[in-house]
Protein backbone atom coordinates (compact mmCIF):
# COMPACT_ATOMS: atom_id res chain seq x y z
CA MET A 1 117.89 -287.07 126.97
CA LEU A 2 120.92 -289.35 126.67
CA THR A 3 122.01 -291.24 130.09
CA GLN A 4 125.77 -291.86 128.59
CA ARG A 5 127.61 -290.60 125.83
CA LEU A 6 130.17 -293.11 124.51
CA GLN A 7 133.73 -291.92 123.95
CA ALA A 8 134.71 -291.31 120.63
CA LYS A 9 138.15 -293.84 120.72
CA TYR A 10 135.07 -296.78 120.85
CA ILE A 11 132.10 -296.23 118.63
CA LYS A 12 133.58 -297.42 115.77
CA ALA A 13 134.50 -300.87 117.34
CA GLU A 14 131.20 -300.91 119.17
CA LEU A 15 129.02 -300.24 115.45
CA GLU A 16 131.39 -303.42 114.21
CA SER A 17 130.70 -305.63 116.73
CA LEU A 18 126.72 -304.74 116.67
CA ILE A 19 127.39 -305.23 113.14
CA ASN A 20 128.16 -308.90 113.53
CA ASP A 21 125.76 -309.41 116.16
CA ALA A 22 122.71 -308.44 113.97
CA LEU A 23 123.77 -310.22 110.85
CA LEU A 24 122.58 -313.25 112.96
CA ILE A 25 119.74 -311.51 114.14
CA ASP A 26 117.95 -309.46 111.58
CA PRO A 27 120.07 -308.38 108.44
CA ALA A 28 118.20 -305.34 107.79
CA LEU A 29 119.47 -303.68 111.22
CA ALA A 30 123.26 -305.01 110.25
CA LYS A 31 123.08 -303.05 107.07
CA ARG A 32 121.68 -299.72 108.34
CA LEU A 33 124.63 -300.15 111.46
CA GLY A 34 126.69 -300.49 108.14
CA GLU A 35 125.86 -297.72 106.88
CA LEU A 36 126.17 -295.35 109.92
CA CYS A 37 129.74 -297.18 110.37
CA ARG A 38 130.58 -296.24 106.95
CA TRP A 39 130.13 -292.81 107.38
CA ILE A 40 132.12 -292.30 110.74
CA LYS A 41 134.54 -295.15 109.52
CA ASP A 42 137.22 -292.55 107.96
CA LYS A 43 136.91 -289.89 110.56
CA LYS A 44 139.81 -289.12 113.20
CA VAL A 45 139.16 -289.62 116.78
CA GLY A 46 139.93 -285.90 118.34
CA LEU A 47 137.36 -284.63 115.15
CA LEU A 48 134.25 -286.85 116.23
CA THR A 49 134.95 -285.86 119.67
CA ARG A 50 134.35 -282.43 118.87
CA LYS A 51 131.07 -282.98 117.45
CA PRO A 52 128.74 -283.62 120.90
CA LEU A 53 125.60 -284.13 119.55
CA LEU A 54 127.17 -286.67 116.70
CA LEU A 55 128.37 -288.89 119.46
CA ASP A 56 125.30 -288.63 121.59
CA PHE A 57 123.28 -289.81 118.53
CA VAL A 58 125.82 -292.95 117.71
CA SER A 59 126.34 -293.95 121.58
CA GLU A 60 122.13 -293.45 121.45
CA LEU A 61 121.81 -295.71 118.38
CA ILE A 62 124.33 -298.54 120.16
CA LEU A 63 122.47 -298.52 123.33
CA ASP A 64 118.85 -299.05 121.84
CA THR A 65 120.54 -301.60 118.60
CA ARG A 66 122.07 -303.83 122.32
CA LEU A 67 118.55 -303.46 124.03
CA TRP A 68 116.79 -304.37 120.56
CA LEU A 69 118.95 -307.53 119.85
CA LYS A 70 118.13 -308.50 123.70
CA LEU A 71 114.41 -308.27 123.10
CA LYS A 72 114.34 -310.15 119.66
CA GLU A 73 116.23 -313.12 121.07
CA LEU A 74 113.41 -313.25 124.18
CA PRO A 75 110.25 -315.69 123.66
CA SER A 76 107.06 -313.28 123.98
CA GLN A 77 106.50 -314.25 127.70
CA GLU A 78 109.49 -313.28 129.01
CA LYS A 79 109.62 -310.21 126.65
CA GLN A 80 106.43 -309.13 128.80
CA ARG A 81 108.35 -309.95 131.96
CA PHE A 82 111.38 -308.12 130.81
CA PHE A 83 108.55 -305.01 129.86
CA GLU A 84 107.29 -305.16 133.09
CA LYS A 85 110.80 -305.31 135.28
CA ALA A 86 112.29 -302.54 133.31
CA GLN A 87 108.81 -300.47 133.90
CA MET A 88 108.74 -299.46 130.68
CA THR A 89 106.37 -297.12 129.37
CA GLN A 90 103.78 -297.09 126.42
CA ALA A 91 106.35 -295.08 124.00
CA GLU A 92 108.99 -296.69 125.44
CA LYS A 93 107.77 -300.38 124.00
CA TYR A 94 106.06 -298.68 120.90
CA TRP A 95 109.76 -297.15 119.87
CA TYR A 96 111.60 -300.83 120.49
CA GLU A 97 108.72 -302.80 119.23
CA PHE A 98 107.40 -300.59 116.10
CA LEU A 99 109.16 -297.11 115.39
CA PHE A 100 112.60 -298.70 115.59
CA PRO A 101 112.47 -302.05 113.59
CA GLN A 102 110.51 -299.87 110.89
CA TRP A 103 113.81 -297.52 110.58
CA PHE A 104 116.19 -299.82 109.89
CA ASN A 105 113.71 -301.93 107.57
CA GLU A 106 112.43 -299.39 105.33
CA CYS A 107 114.53 -296.58 103.40
CA ASP A 108 115.21 -293.58 105.65
CA PRO A 109 114.42 -290.70 102.66
CA LYS A 110 116.20 -288.07 105.43
CA LEU A 111 118.98 -290.05 106.40
CA ASP A 112 121.34 -288.81 104.22
CA THR A 113 120.54 -285.00 104.66
CA TRP A 114 120.61 -285.60 108.41
CA LYS A 115 123.79 -287.20 108.63
CA SER A 116 125.50 -284.20 106.52
CA LYS A 117 124.37 -281.34 108.53
CA MET A 118 125.11 -283.60 111.85
CA MET A 119 128.46 -284.01 110.26
CA SER A 120 128.67 -280.41 109.52
CA GLY A 121 127.69 -279.01 112.52
CA GLU A 122 124.38 -277.42 110.60
CA TYR A 123 122.40 -279.46 113.49
CA THR A 124 122.25 -277.42 116.54
CA GLN A 125 118.86 -278.98 118.65
CA GLN A 126 118.03 -275.51 119.20
CA ASP A 127 115.31 -276.60 120.75
CA VAL A 128 116.25 -279.21 123.04
CA GLY A 129 115.74 -276.90 126.30
CA LEU A 130 111.99 -276.58 125.52
CA ILE A 131 111.87 -279.99 124.78
CA ASN A 132 113.38 -280.88 128.32
CA ALA A 133 110.90 -278.21 130.17
CA LEU A 134 107.94 -280.21 128.05
CA SER A 135 108.88 -283.13 128.78
CA ASP A 136 108.84 -282.66 132.69
CA GLN A 137 105.75 -281.02 132.51
CA ILE A 138 104.28 -283.90 130.87
CA GLU A 139 105.77 -286.47 133.05
CA SER A 140 104.67 -284.35 136.36
CA CYS A 141 100.94 -284.62 134.92
CA GLY A 142 101.38 -288.70 135.11
CA GLY A 143 102.24 -289.19 131.17
CA ALA A 144 105.41 -290.46 129.63
CA CYS A 145 107.84 -289.14 127.01
CA LEU A 146 110.63 -290.65 124.65
CA TRP A 147 112.90 -288.64 122.11
CA ARG A 148 115.35 -289.93 119.98
CA TYR A 149 117.32 -288.71 117.28
CA ILE A 150 115.76 -290.58 114.95
CA ILE A 151 112.29 -290.01 115.41
CA ASP A 152 113.31 -285.69 115.89
CA LEU A 153 115.44 -286.30 112.02
CA SER A 154 113.36 -288.96 110.15
CA MET A 155 109.86 -289.07 111.49
CA ALA A 156 109.14 -285.70 112.05
CA THR A 157 107.98 -286.16 115.72
CA ASP A 158 109.67 -284.01 118.73
CA LEU A 159 107.95 -286.37 121.30
CA LEU A 160 106.99 -289.27 121.00
CA THR A 161 104.20 -289.65 124.35
CA SER A 162 101.35 -292.02 126.54
CA GLY A 163 99.41 -291.77 128.97
CA ASN A 164 96.59 -293.79 130.49
CA SER A 165 95.42 -295.09 126.92
CA ASP A 166 97.89 -297.91 125.47
CA GLU A 167 98.42 -295.73 122.20
CA PRO A 168 101.19 -293.54 121.94
CA LEU A 169 100.75 -290.42 120.07
CA CYS A 170 103.60 -288.46 118.31
CA VAL A 171 103.55 -284.94 118.61
CA GLN A 172 105.32 -282.28 116.41
CA MET A 173 105.77 -278.73 117.56
CA THR A 174 106.16 -275.89 114.45
CA ILE A 175 105.98 -271.96 114.93
CA SER A 176 104.87 -271.93 110.99
CA SER A 177 102.89 -268.55 110.11
CA PRO A 178 99.28 -269.57 109.21
CA GLU A 179 99.65 -268.98 105.57
CA TRP A 180 102.69 -272.05 105.44
CA LEU A 181 100.72 -273.96 108.18
CA ALA A 182 98.61 -276.29 105.89
CA ASN A 183 101.74 -277.08 103.78
CA LYS A 184 103.29 -278.02 106.75
CA LYS A 185 100.53 -279.85 108.31
CA ASP A 186 100.55 -282.01 104.59
CA HIS A 187 104.44 -282.85 105.06
CA TRP A 188 104.12 -283.82 108.28
CA GLU A 189 100.98 -286.12 107.63
CA ALA A 190 103.31 -287.29 104.65
CA THR A 191 106.37 -288.12 107.11
CA LEU A 192 103.75 -290.14 109.35
CA ARG A 193 102.31 -292.39 106.76
CA TYR A 194 105.27 -293.32 105.34
CA TRP A 195 106.43 -294.65 108.71
CA GLY A 196 103.21 -296.33 109.52
CA ILE A 197 102.88 -293.76 112.39
CA THR A 198 98.71 -293.57 112.51
CA ARG A 199 98.72 -291.35 115.58
CA GLY A 200 100.38 -287.71 115.20
CA LEU A 201 99.40 -284.40 116.82
CA LEU A 202 101.14 -281.32 115.38
CA LEU A 203 101.15 -278.22 117.40
CA SER A 204 101.29 -274.57 115.94
CA VAL A 205 102.82 -272.74 118.95
CA ASN A 206 103.68 -269.12 119.49
CA PRO A 207 106.91 -269.58 121.12
CA LYS A 208 106.44 -266.09 123.28
CA ASN A 209 103.45 -267.70 125.33
CA LEU A 210 105.24 -271.03 126.06
CA ASP A 211 107.61 -270.27 128.85
CA ASP A 212 104.65 -269.43 130.79
CA ASN A 213 101.99 -272.19 129.28
CA LEU A 214 103.92 -275.02 129.50
CA SER A 215 101.54 -277.01 131.77
CA LEU A 216 98.67 -275.64 129.44
CA LEU A 217 100.43 -277.65 126.57
CA ALA A 218 101.03 -280.54 128.55
CA ASP A 219 97.31 -280.59 129.24
CA ALA A 220 96.40 -280.39 125.75
CA ILE A 221 98.86 -283.34 124.66
CA LEU A 222 97.70 -285.94 127.29
CA GLN A 223 93.92 -285.15 126.68
CA LYS A 224 94.71 -285.75 122.84
CA GLY A 225 96.28 -288.47 123.65
CA GLU A 226 93.43 -289.83 125.31
CA SER A 227 90.79 -288.87 123.23
CA LEU A 228 92.12 -289.33 119.62
CA PRO A 229 90.56 -292.19 117.19
CA GLU A 230 93.20 -295.19 116.52
CA SER A 231 94.41 -293.31 113.32
CA CYS A 232 94.22 -289.74 113.31
CA TYR A 233 96.17 -286.76 112.47
CA ASP A 234 95.16 -283.80 114.21
CA LEU A 235 96.61 -279.88 113.93
CA HIS A 236 96.28 -277.99 117.60
CA ILE A 237 96.54 -274.31 117.24
CA TYR A 238 97.76 -273.22 120.84
């Protein structure tokens, strides 16, 4: 999911440099980066090195922030040319143009909780294998996927997908039992509404059937991505 994990000894300096850059462009971004910098400021390099998921998150944030700051300074036409040259998918553009700035401009109700779990090791990302396999399957069917720690931990989204439609789709998978599914959907929908996400798909899945039916699940996601209206929170029991 992440192409480059930065070494622990560099991340504090990288964050501080980005905070200074962001202060001139978007103070809200600088403030959010400052929160995260203070989170790790007093932690020793050896401790951070032993927390690969935390390093992956901070590395991902640093890389995304660098690119977002670059995009922010580009005029509209040059930004479009950049998207085309980089062959960015609709999912990627939605992340950089909408979801990422939404995250640092709004209060994140879940931020303190997942920071604590990530630092303590409670967050283990057990479903990474399934998400990677499903992403590969969706891409082999002509779609595109994006995964980010922020959309996973704060925005109730396992995958941000896009197909032929210009409208991306936020997909969340759950194994909730039927009696808890309605409550799960209410909380999921409330989270998406909070972040201004208007198209979401909640997939209730049986994990025993997934390995042999990933292609069917990928087809269902792409079909929903094409058919759902502009404002819709849909539940699909698979």
